[in-house]
Amino acid sequence: MMSFYEVLQKIKQRPSLYLGRRSISHLQVFLDGYTLARRELGVPLTEQEREFEGFQEWIEQRFNQNSTQSWDRIILFYSEDERDALERFFDLFEEFLNPDENLESEERNNLKAKI
């Protein structure tokens, strides 16, 4: 069985195949269905799925949004459209998984700006 992150990687590679169209809202619905199916089957959360639960709070902090909006709605608000929001999701998710790499990149950019 594929891991949760492998499922997300497959969606990233071929979003229309899994979601019907390139849409962050469709991704949210897909993930809700995935979670419900696992719960109904009595399959416990994996470490990756537990880690993903922190994505909501991380997005709220990243965009300085202390609201009741879900991560997909927040990303969509700061995007051009559903397609752009889906692409941004994958970029943001990568940043969520690798915060140290992004800090180093930001520090390099800040140094370049000062030079």
N, C-alpha and C. Protein backbone atom coordinates (compact mmCIF):
# COMPACT_ATOMS: atom_id res chain seq x y z
N MET A 1 0.84 -1.18 0.00
CA MET A 1 0.00 0.00 0.00
C MET A 1 0.89 1.25 0.00
N MET A 2 0.49 2.24 -0.78
CA MET A 2 1.26 3.49 -0.85
C MET A 2 1.14 4.28 0.44
N SER A 3 2.22 5.00 0.75
CA SER A 3 2.16 5.88 1.91
C SER A 3 1.37 7.13 1.54
N PHE A 4 0.98 7.89 2.54
CA PHE A 4 0.23 9.12 2.34
C PHE A 4 0.99 10.09 1.45
N TYR A 5 2.28 10.25 1.69
CA TYR A 5 3.08 11.18 0.89
C TYR A 5 3.26 10.67 -0.53
N GLU A 6 3.29 9.36 -0.71
CA GLU A 6 3.35 8.80 -2.06
C GLU A 6 2.06 9.10 -2.82
N VAL A 7 0.93 9.04 -2.14
CA VAL A 7 -0.35 9.40 -2.77
C VAL A 7 -0.31 10.86 -3.21
N LEU A 8 0.16 11.75 -2.34
CA LEU A 8 0.26 13.17 -2.71
C LEU A 8 1.21 13.37 -3.88
N GLN A 9 2.30 12.63 -3.91
CA GLN A 9 3.25 12.74 -5.03
C GLN A 9 2.61 12.30 -6.34
N LYS A 10 1.84 11.23 -6.30
CA LYS A 10 1.15 10.77 -7.51
C LYS A 10 0.14 11.81 -7.98
N ILE A 11 -0.57 12.44 -7.04
CA ILE A 11 -1.52 13.49 -7.39
C ILE A 11 -0.78 14.66 -8.02
N LYS A 12 0.36 15.02 -7.45
CA LYS A 12 1.14 16.13 -7.99
C LYS A 12 1.55 15.85 -9.43
N GLN A 13 1.94 14.61 -9.71
CA GLN A 13 2.40 14.24 -11.05
C GLN A 13 1.26 14.22 -12.07
N ARG A 14 0.08 13.78 -11.64
CA ARG A 14 -1.06 13.66 -12.56
C ARG A 14 -2.36 14.06 -11.86
N PRO A 15 -2.49 15.35 -11.54
CA PRO A 15 -3.65 15.79 -10.76
C PRO A 15 -5.00 15.50 -11.41
N SER A 16 -5.11 15.66 -12.71
CA SER A 16 -6.40 15.44 -13.37
C SER A 16 -6.86 13.99 -13.26
N LEU A 17 -5.92 13.08 -13.25
CA LEU A 17 -6.25 11.66 -13.13
C LEU A 17 -6.91 11.36 -11.79
N TYR A 18 -6.40 11.96 -10.72
CA TYR A 18 -6.90 11.66 -9.38
C TYR A 18 -8.00 12.62 -8.91
N LEU A 19 -7.99 13.84 -9.43
CA LEU A 19 -8.91 14.86 -8.92
C LEU A 19 -9.99 15.26 -9.91
N GLY A 20 -9.88 14.82 -11.16
CA GLY A 20 -10.85 15.22 -12.17
C GLY A 20 -10.41 16.48 -12.89
N ARG A 21 -9.88 17.43 -12.16
CA ARG A 21 -9.29 18.64 -12.74
C ARG A 21 -8.31 19.22 -11.73
N ARG A 22 -7.47 20.12 -12.19
CA ARG A 22 -6.45 20.73 -11.33
C ARG A 22 -7.13 21.75 -10.41
N SER A 23 -7.44 21.30 -9.20
CA SER A 23 -8.21 22.12 -8.29
C SER A 23 -7.85 21.80 -6.85
N ILE A 24 -7.55 22.83 -6.08
CA ILE A 24 -7.24 22.62 -4.67
C ILE A 24 -8.48 22.14 -3.91
N SER A 25 -9.66 22.59 -4.34
CA SER A 25 -10.90 22.14 -3.70
C SER A 25 -11.11 20.65 -3.94
N HIS A 26 -10.78 20.20 -5.14
CA HIS A 26 -10.90 18.77 -5.44
C HIS A 26 -9.88 17.97 -4.61
N LEU A 27 -8.70 18.54 -4.41
CA LEU A 27 -7.71 17.87 -3.56
C LEU A 27 -8.24 17.73 -2.14
N GLN A 28 -8.82 18.79 -1.61
CA GLN A 28 -9.36 18.74 -0.25
C GLN A 28 -10.43 17.66 -0.14
N VAL A 29 -11.33 17.59 -1.10
CA VAL A 29 -12.38 16.57 -1.10
C VAL A 29 -11.77 15.18 -1.20
N PHE A 30 -10.78 15.02 -2.07
CA PHE A 30 -10.10 13.73 -2.22
C PHE A 30 -9.50 13.29 -0.88
N LEU A 31 -8.78 14.21 -0.23
CA LEU A 31 -8.14 13.87 1.05
C LEU A 31 -9.16 13.60 2.15
N ASP A 32 -10.27 14.31 2.14
CA ASP A 32 -11.33 14.03 3.10
C ASP A 32 -11.88 12.62 2.89
N GLY A 33 -12.09 12.24 1.63
CA GLY A 33 -12.57 10.90 1.32
C GLY A 33 -11.56 9.82 1.70
N TYR A 34 -10.31 10.11 1.44
CA TYR A 34 -9.22 9.19 1.81
C TYR A 34 -9.22 8.96 3.32
N THR A 35 -9.31 10.05 4.06
CA THR A 35 -9.30 9.96 5.53
C THR A 35 -10.53 9.22 6.04
N LEU A 36 -11.69 9.53 5.49
CA LEU A 36 -12.93 8.87 5.91
C LEU A 36 -12.86 7.37 5.62
N ALA A 37 -12.38 7.00 4.44
CA ALA A 37 -12.30 5.58 4.08
C ALA A 37 -11.40 4.82 5.05
N ARG A 38 -10.26 5.40 5.37
CA ARG A 38 -9.34 4.74 6.30
C ARG A 38 -9.99 4.60 7.68
N ARG A 39 -10.67 5.67 8.11
CA ARG A 39 -11.33 5.63 9.42
C ARG A 39 -12.43 4.56 9.45
N GLU A 40 -13.23 4.51 8.38
CA GLU A 40 -14.32 3.53 8.30
C GLU A 40 -13.78 2.10 8.29
N LEU A 41 -12.61 1.91 7.71
CA LEU A 41 -12.00 0.58 7.67
C LEU A 41 -11.25 0.25 8.96
N GLY A 42 -11.16 1.22 9.84
CA GLY A 42 -10.47 1.00 11.11
C GLY A 42 -8.96 1.01 10.98
N VAL A 43 -8.46 1.64 9.94
CA VAL A 43 -7.01 1.73 9.73
C VAL A 43 -6.48 2.92 10.54
N PRO A 44 -5.55 2.67 11.44
CA PRO A 44 -5.02 3.78 12.25
C PRO A 44 -4.21 4.77 11.41
N LEU A 45 -4.14 6.00 11.89
CA LEU A 45 -3.35 7.02 11.21
C LEU A 45 -1.88 6.62 11.17
N THR A 46 -1.25 6.92 10.05
CA THR A 46 0.19 6.69 9.95
C THR A 46 0.91 7.93 10.49
N GLU A 47 2.21 7.82 10.65
CA GLU A 47 3.02 8.96 11.10
C GLU A 47 2.88 10.13 10.13
N GLN A 48 2.88 9.85 8.83
CA GLN A 48 2.74 10.91 7.82
C GLN A 48 1.39 11.60 7.93
N GLU A 49 0.34 10.84 8.14
CA GLU A 49 -1.00 11.43 8.26
C GLU A 49 -1.10 12.28 9.53
N ARG A 50 -0.49 11.83 10.61
CA ARG A 50 -0.47 12.64 11.84
C ARG A 50 0.33 13.93 11.61
N GLU A 51 1.43 13.82 10.89
CA GLU A 51 2.24 15.00 10.59
C GLU A 51 1.45 15.99 9.73
N PHE A 52 0.68 15.48 8.77
CA PHE A 52 -0.11 16.34 7.89
C PHE A 52 -1.17 17.12 8.67
N GLU A 53 -1.63 16.57 9.78
CA GLU A 53 -2.61 17.28 10.60
C GLU A 53 -2.07 18.63 11.06
N GLY A 54 -0.75 18.78 11.16
CA GLY A 54 -0.14 20.04 11.55
C GLY A 54 -0.08 21.06 10.42
N PHE A 55 -0.41 20.64 9.20
CA PHE A 55 -0.34 21.52 8.04
C PHE A 55 -1.33 22.69 8.18
N GLN A 56 -2.50 22.43 8.74
CA GLN A 56 -3.50 23.48 8.92
C GLN A 56 -2.94 24.62 9.77
N GLU A 57 -2.39 24.28 10.91
CA GLU A 57 -1.84 25.31 11.80
C GLU A 57 -0.65 26.01 11.13
N TRP A 58 0.17 25.25 10.43
CA TRP A 58 1.33 25.84 9.76
C TRP A 58 0.89 26.86 8.70
N ILE A 59 -0.15 26.51 7.93
CA ILE A 59 -0.67 27.44 6.91
C ILE A 59 -1.22 28.69 7.57
N GLU A 60 -1.95 28.53 8.68
CA GLU A 60 -2.48 29.69 9.38
C GLU A 60 -1.35 30.62 9.82
N GLN A 61 -0.28 30.05 10.33
CA GLN A 61 0.86 30.87 10.75
C GLN A 61 1.58 31.46 9.55
N ARG A 62 1.76 30.68 8.52
CA ARG A 62 2.48 31.12 7.31
C ARG A 62 1.83 32.33 6.68
N PHE A 63 0.48 32.34 6.68
CA PHE A 63 -0.27 33.44 6.06
C PHE A 63 -0.84 34.41 7.10
N ASN A 64 -0.44 34.20 8.34
CA ASN A 64 -0.91 35.07 9.42
C ASN A 64 -2.44 35.14 9.45
N GLN A 65 -3.07 33.97 9.39
CA GLN A 65 -4.52 33.86 9.36
C GLN A 65 -5.00 33.06 10.56
N ASN A 66 -5.49 33.74 11.55
CA ASN A 66 -6.09 33.04 12.69
C ASN A 66 -7.59 33.01 12.48
N SER A 67 -8.02 32.14 11.58
CA SER A 67 -9.43 32.09 11.22
C SER A 67 -9.95 30.67 11.26
N THR A 68 -11.18 30.53 10.91
CA THR A 68 -11.79 29.21 10.87
C THR A 68 -11.74 28.61 9.47
N GLN A 69 -11.01 29.25 8.57
CA GLN A 69 -10.89 28.76 7.21
C GLN A 69 -9.95 27.56 7.15
N SER A 70 -10.26 26.61 6.28
CA SER A 70 -9.40 25.45 6.11
C SER A 70 -8.19 25.82 5.25
N TRP A 71 -7.17 24.98 5.29
CA TRP A 71 -5.92 25.27 4.58
C TRP A 71 -6.16 25.51 3.10
N ASP A 72 -7.08 24.76 2.50
CA ASP A 72 -7.32 24.95 1.07
C ASP A 72 -7.94 26.31 0.76
N ARG A 73 -8.83 26.78 1.63
CA ARG A 73 -9.46 28.10 1.43
C ARG A 73 -8.43 29.23 1.62
N ILE A 74 -7.54 29.06 2.58
CA ILE A 74 -6.51 30.08 2.80
C ILE A 74 -5.59 30.17 1.59
N ILE A 75 -5.12 29.02 1.12
CA ILE A 75 -4.23 29.01 -0.05
C ILE A 75 -4.96 29.59 -1.26
N LEU A 76 -6.21 29.20 -1.46
CA LEU A 76 -6.99 29.70 -2.60
C LEU A 76 -7.14 31.22 -2.53
N PHE A 77 -7.36 31.75 -1.35
CA PHE A 77 -7.51 33.20 -1.19
C PHE A 77 -6.27 33.95 -1.69
N TYR A 78 -5.10 33.37 -1.48
CA TYR A 78 -3.85 34.01 -1.88
C TYR A 78 -3.35 33.55 -3.25
N SER A 79 -4.22 32.94 -4.03
CA SER A 79 -3.86 32.43 -5.35
C SER A 79 -4.75 33.05 -6.41
N GLU A 80 -4.33 32.88 -7.66
CA GLU A 80 -5.11 33.42 -8.78
C GLU A 80 -6.40 32.65 -9.00
N ASP A 81 -6.30 31.31 -8.92
CA ASP A 81 -7.47 30.46 -9.17
C ASP A 81 -7.20 29.08 -8.58
N GLU A 82 -8.13 28.17 -8.79
CA GLU A 82 -8.02 26.81 -8.25
C GLU A 82 -6.75 26.10 -8.72
N ARG A 83 -6.42 26.27 -9.96
CA ARG A 83 -5.23 25.62 -10.53
C ARG A 83 -3.96 26.15 -9.88
N ASP A 84 -3.85 27.46 -9.80
CA ASP A 84 -2.69 28.10 -9.16
C ASP A 84 -2.60 27.68 -7.69
N ALA A 85 -3.74 27.61 -7.03
CA ALA A 85 -3.76 27.23 -5.62
C ALA A 85 -3.25 25.79 -5.42
N LEU A 86 -3.60 24.91 -6.35
CA LEU A 86 -3.12 23.52 -6.26
C LEU A 86 -1.61 23.48 -6.40
N GLU A 87 -1.07 24.24 -7.36
CA GLU A 87 0.38 24.29 -7.53
C GLU A 87 1.05 24.87 -6.28
N ARG A 88 0.45 25.91 -5.72
CA ARG A 88 1.00 26.52 -4.50
C ARG A 88 0.94 25.55 -3.33
N PHE A 89 -0.13 24.73 -3.27
CA PHE A 89 -0.22 23.73 -2.21
C PHE A 89 1.02 22.86 -2.20
N PHE A 90 1.41 22.34 -3.35
CA PHE A 90 2.55 21.44 -3.40
C PHE A 90 3.84 22.15 -3.01
N ASP A 91 3.99 23.41 -3.41
CA ASP A 91 5.17 24.18 -2.99
C ASP A 91 5.16 24.40 -1.48
N LEU A 92 4.00 24.79 -0.96
CA LEU A 92 3.88 25.04 0.48
C LEU A 92 4.05 23.76 1.28
N PHE A 93 3.52 22.66 0.75
CA PHE A 93 3.66 21.39 1.46
C PHE A 93 5.12 20.98 1.53
N GLU A 94 5.86 21.21 0.46
CA GLU A 94 7.31 20.93 0.46
C GLU A 94 8.00 21.80 1.51
N GLU A 95 7.61 23.05 1.59
CA GLU A 95 8.17 23.95 2.58
C GLU A 95 7.83 23.49 4.00
N PHE A 96 6.61 23.01 4.19
CA PHE A 96 6.17 22.48 5.48
C PHE A 96 7.02 21.27 5.90
N LEU A 97 7.32 20.40 4.95
CA LEU A 97 8.09 19.20 5.24
C LEU A 97 9.56 19.48 5.47
N ASN A 98 10.09 20.53 4.85
CA ASN A 98 11.51 20.84 4.91
C ASN A 98 11.75 22.27 5.37
N PRO A 99 11.36 22.61 6.58
CA PRO A 99 11.48 24.01 7.03
C PRO A 99 12.93 24.50 7.09
N ASP A 100 13.87 23.65 7.42
CA ASP A 100 15.27 24.08 7.52
C ASP A 100 15.82 24.50 6.17
N GLU A 101 15.49 23.76 5.11
CA GLU A 101 15.95 24.12 3.77
C GLU A 101 15.42 25.48 3.36
N ASN A 102 14.18 25.77 3.71
CA ASN A 102 13.58 27.04 3.34
C ASN A 102 14.17 28.18 4.13
N LEU A 103 14.53 27.94 5.39
CA LEU A 103 15.17 28.98 6.18
C LEU A 103 16.53 29.33 5.57
N GLU A 104 17.28 28.31 5.19
CA GLU A 104 18.59 28.54 4.57
C GLU A 104 18.43 29.32 3.27
N SER A 105 17.44 28.98 2.48
CA SER A 105 17.20 29.67 1.22
C SER A 105 16.81 31.13 1.47
N GLU A 106 15.97 31.37 2.46
CA GLU A 106 15.58 32.74 2.81
C GLU A 106 16.79 33.54 3.28
N GLU A 107 17.64 32.90 4.09
CA GLU A 107 18.82 33.59 4.59
C GLU A 107 19.75 33.96 3.43
N ARG A 108 19.92 33.06 2.46
CA ARG A 108 20.75 33.35 1.28
C ARG A 108 20.16 34.52 0.50
N ASN A 109 18.86 34.52 0.31
CA ASN A 109 18.20 35.60 -0.43
C ASN A 109 18.36 36.93 0.30
N ASN A 110 18.27 36.91 1.63
CA ASN A 110 18.45 38.13 2.40
C ASN A 110 19.88 38.65 2.27
N LEU A 111 20.85 37.73 2.29
CA LEU A 111 22.24 38.12 2.12
C LEU A 111 22.48 38.73 0.75
N LYS A 112 21.92 38.11 -0.28
CA LYS A 112 22.06 38.63 -1.65
C LYS A 112 21.46 40.02 -1.76
N ALA A 113 20.34 40.24 -1.10
CA ALA A 113 19.67 41.54 -1.16
C ALA A 113 20.52 42.63 -0.50
N LYS A 114 21.29 42.26 0.51
CA LYS A 114 22.13 43.22 1.22
C LYS A 114 23.38 43.57 0.43
N ILE A 115 23.81 42.64 -0.42
CA ILE A 115 25.08 42.84 -1.16
C ILE A 115 24.88 43.77 -2.33
